[in-house]
């Protein structure tokens, strides 16, 4: 595995992890009724997901250009981390919407 591929994989893991953490913090803020903080954390999660997608695109582009990507457990973990974070972020938005409705009642 090249250094560039390893850096892209680590970028996926770090940014996906940050996105999931921010989404969890957004839920906790909404639970306390702090919807401004929840919105800020969701925005931060979205930015982290964009960065993770950039890393993924880098890997996909390299492979499409004929570079062999060594598939390791680390590679699989990075993709799993991204997909889990994307799903968690979507769910966080729904949970926060529920907290908003409860707060309005």
C-alpha atoms as a PDB file:
ATOM      1  CA  UNK A   1       0.000   0.000   0.000  1.00  0.00           C
ATOM      2  CA  UNK A   2       1.385   3.401  -0.937  1.00  0.00           C
ATOM      3  CA  UNK A   3       1.804   6.228   1.542  1.00  0.00           C
ATOM      4  CA  UNK A   4      -0.805   8.228  -0.400  1.00  0.00           C
ATOM      5  CA  UNK A   5      -3.332   5.397  -0.114  1.00  0.00           C
ATOM      6  CA  UNK A   6      -2.639   5.004   3.594  1.00  0.00           C
ATOM      7  CA  UNK A   7      -3.148   8.732   4.150  1.00  0.00           C
ATOM      8  CA  UNK A   8      -6.450   8.642   2.263  1.00  0.00           C
ATOM      9  CA  UNK A   9      -7.621   5.664   4.317  1.00  0.00           C
ATOM     10  CA  UNK A  10      -6.653   7.373   7.558  1.00  0.00           C
ATOM     11  CA  UNK A  11      -8.429  10.526   6.343  1.00  0.00           C
ATOM     12  CA  UNK A  12     -11.558   8.458   5.867  1.00  0.00           C
ATOM     13  CA  UNK A  13     -11.347   7.007   9.358  1.00  0.00           C
ATOM     14  CA  UNK A  14     -10.537  10.273  11.139  1.00  0.00           C
ATOM     15  CA  UNK A  15     -13.115  12.402   9.341  1.00  0.00           C
ATOM     16  CA  UNK A  16     -15.851   9.777   9.542  1.00  0.00           C
ATOM     17  CA  UNK A  17     -15.162   9.402  13.258  1.00  0.00           C
ATOM     18  CA  UNK A  18     -15.303  13.161  13.747  1.00  0.00           C
ATOM     19  CA  UNK A  19     -18.609  13.299  11.878  1.00  0.00           C
ATOM     20  CA  UNK A  20     -20.134  10.619  14.076  1.00  0.00           C
ATOM     21  CA  UNK A  21     -18.890  12.319  17.254  1.00  0.00           C
ATOM     22  CA  UNK A  22     -20.296  15.666  16.132  1.00  0.00           C
ATOM     23  CA  UNK A  23     -23.637  14.067  15.293  1.00  0.00           C
ATOM     24  CA  UNK A  24     -23.789  12.475  18.756  1.00  0.00           C
ATOM     25  CA  UNK A  25     -22.955  15.817  20.360  1.00  0.00           C
ATOM     26  CA  UNK A  26     -25.727  17.400  18.259  1.00  0.00           C
ATOM     27  CA  UNK A  27     -28.243  14.918  19.670  1.00  0.00           C
ATOM     28  CA  UNK A  28     -27.064  15.618  23.223  1.00  0.00           C
ATOM     29  CA  UNK A  29     -27.396  19.370  22.661  1.00  0.00           C
ATOM     30  CA  UNK A  30     -30.909  18.954  21.269  1.00  0.00           C
ATOM     31  CA  UNK A  31     -31.827  16.785  24.231  1.00  0.00           C
ATOM     32  CA  UNK A  32     -30.902  19.745  26.477  1.00  0.00           C
ATOM     33  CA  UNK A  33     -32.930  22.103  24.282  1.00  0.00           C
ATOM     34  CA  UNK A  34     -29.867  23.839  22.816  1.00  0.00           C
ATOM     35  CA  UNK A  35     -30.865  23.740  19.158  1.00  0.00           C
ATOM     36  CA  UNK A  36     -28.326  26.364  18.067  1.00  0.00           C
ATOM     37  CA  UNK A  37     -25.545  24.098  19.342  1.00  0.00           C
ATOM     38  CA  UNK A  38     -27.229  21.082  17.747  1.00  0.00           C
ATOM     39  CA  UNK A  39     -27.331  22.871  14.391  1.00  0.00           C
ATOM     40  CA  UNK A  40     -23.670  23.869  14.703  1.00  0.00           C
ATOM     41  CA  UNK A  41     -22.661  20.301  15.498  1.00  0.00           C
ATOM     42  CA  UNK A  42     -24.681  18.965  12.556  1.00  0.00           C
ATOM     43  CA  UNK A  43     -22.959  21.475  10.271  1.00  0.00           C
ATOM     44  CA  UNK A  44     -19.592  20.341  11.614  1.00  0.00           C
ATOM     45  CA  UNK A  45     -20.564  16.709  11.030  1.00  0.00           C
ATOM     46  CA  UNK A  46     -21.499  17.517   7.439  1.00  0.00           C
ATOM     47  CA  UNK A  47     -18.119  19.188   6.846  1.00  0.00           C
ATOM     48  CA  UNK A  48     -16.314  16.160   8.235  1.00  0.00           C
ATOM     49  CA  UNK A  49     -18.347  13.862   5.976  1.00  0.00           C
ATOM     50  CA  UNK A  50     -17.402  15.976   2.963  1.00  0.00           C
ATOM     51  CA  UNK A  51     -13.739  15.610   3.903  1.00  0.00           C
ATOM     52  CA  UNK A  52     -14.183  11.862   4.314  1.00  0.00           C
ATOM     53  CA  UNK A  53     -15.793  11.709   0.888  1.00  0.00           C
ATOM     54  CA  UNK A  54     -12.799  13.560  -0.565  1.00  0.00           C
ATOM     55  CA  UNK A  55     -10.535  10.848   0.802  1.00  0.00           C
ATOM     56  CA  UNK A  56     -12.791   8.162  -0.617  1.00  0.00           C
ATOM     57  CA  UNK A  57     -12.876   9.899  -4.006  1.00  0.00           C
ATOM     58  CA  UNK A  58      -9.087  10.049  -3.984  1.00  0.00           C
ATOM     59  CA  UNK A  59      -8.936   6.280  -3.536  1.00  0.00           C
ATOM     60  CA  UNK A  60     -11.606   5.611  -6.164  1.00  0.00           C
ATOM     61  CA  UNK A  61      -9.939   7.908  -8.686  1.00  0.00           C
ATOM     62  CA  UNK A  62      -6.559   6.259  -8.169  1.00  0.00           C
ATOM     63  CA  UNK A  63      -8.077   2.836  -8.704  1.00  0.00           C
ATOM     64  CA  UNK A  64      -9.983   4.003 -11.781  1.00  0.00           C
ATOM     65  CA  UNK A  65      -6.668   5.293 -13.165  1.00  0.00           C
ATOM     66  CA  UNK A  66      -5.162   1.829 -12.875  1.00  0.00           C
ATOM     67  CA  UNK A  67      -3.420   2.078  -9.513  1.00  0.00           C
ATOM     68  CA  UNK A  68      -3.781  -1.150  -7.588  1.00  0.00           C
ATOM     69  CA  UNK A  69      -5.347  -0.640  -4.179  1.00  0.00           C
ATOM     70  CA  UNK A  70      -4.301  -3.191  -1.617  1.00  0.00           C
ATOM     71  CA  UNK A  71      -7.422  -4.262   0.232  1.00  0.00           C
ATOM     72  CA  UNK A  72      -6.616  -4.707   3.892  1.00  0.00           C
ATOM     73  CA  UNK A  73      -8.652  -4.810   7.055  1.00  0.00           C
ATOM     74  CA  UNK A  74      -7.786  -1.116   7.444  1.00  0.00           C
ATOM     75  CA  UNK A  75      -9.281  -0.375   4.019  1.00  0.00           C
ATOM     76  CA  UNK A  76     -12.474  -2.226   4.864  1.00  0.00           C
ATOM     77  CA  UNK A  77     -12.638  -0.556   8.266  1.00  0.00           C
ATOM     78  CA  UNK A  78     -12.386   2.884   6.678  1.00  0.00           C
ATOM     79  CA  UNK A  79     -15.327   2.199   4.381  1.00  0.00           C
ATOM     80  CA  UNK A  80     -17.361   0.713   7.204  1.00  0.00           C
ATOM     81  CA  UNK A  81     -16.585   3.739   9.368  1.00  0.00           C
ATOM     82  CA  UNK A  82     -17.772   6.095   6.628  1.00  0.00           C
ATOM     83  CA  UNK A  83     -21.024   4.269   5.976  1.00  0.00           C
ATOM     84  CA  UNK A  84     -21.792   4.012   9.692  1.00  0.00           C
ATOM     85  CA  UNK A  85     -21.129   7.718  10.160  1.00  0.00           C
ATOM     86  CA  UNK A  86     -23.334   8.660   7.223  1.00  0.00           C
ATOM     87  CA  UNK A  87     -26.187   6.572   8.602  1.00  0.00           C
ATOM     88  CA  UNK A  88     -25.697   7.925  12.113  1.00  0.00           C
ATOM     89  CA  UNK A  89     -25.689  11.503  10.808  1.00  0.00           C
ATOM     90  CA  UNK A  90     -28.979  10.927   8.991  1.00  0.00           C
ATOM     91  CA  UNK A  91     -30.500   9.409  12.113  1.00  0.00           C
ATOM     92  CA  UNK A  92     -29.214  12.295  14.257  1.00  0.00           C
ATOM     93  CA  UNK A  93     -31.125  14.756  12.065  1.00  0.00           C
ATOM     94  CA  UNK A  94     -34.325  12.800  12.621  1.00  0.00           C
ATOM     95  CA  UNK A  95     -33.816  12.566  16.386  1.00  0.00           C
ATOM     96  CA  UNK A  96     -33.123  16.296  16.586  1.00  0.00           C
ATOM     97  CA  UNK A  97     -36.300  17.018  14.640  1.00  0.00           C
ATOM     98  CA  UNK A  98     -38.234  14.991  17.212  1.00  0.00           C
ATOM     99  CA  UNK A  99     -36.646  16.963  20.051  1.00  0.00           C
ATOM    100  CA  UNK A 100     -37.597  20.211  18.269  1.00  0.00           C
ATOM    101  CA  UNK A 101     -41.228  19.099  18.031  1.00  0.00           C
ATOM    102  CA  UNK A 102     -41.302  18.085  21.677  1.00  0.00           C
ATOM    103  CA  UNK A 103     -39.810  21.433  22.648  1.00  0.00           C
ATOM    104  CA  UNK A 104     -42.551  23.294  20.775  1.00  0.00           C
ATOM    105  CA  UNK A 105     -45.325  21.521  22.657  1.00  0.00           C
END
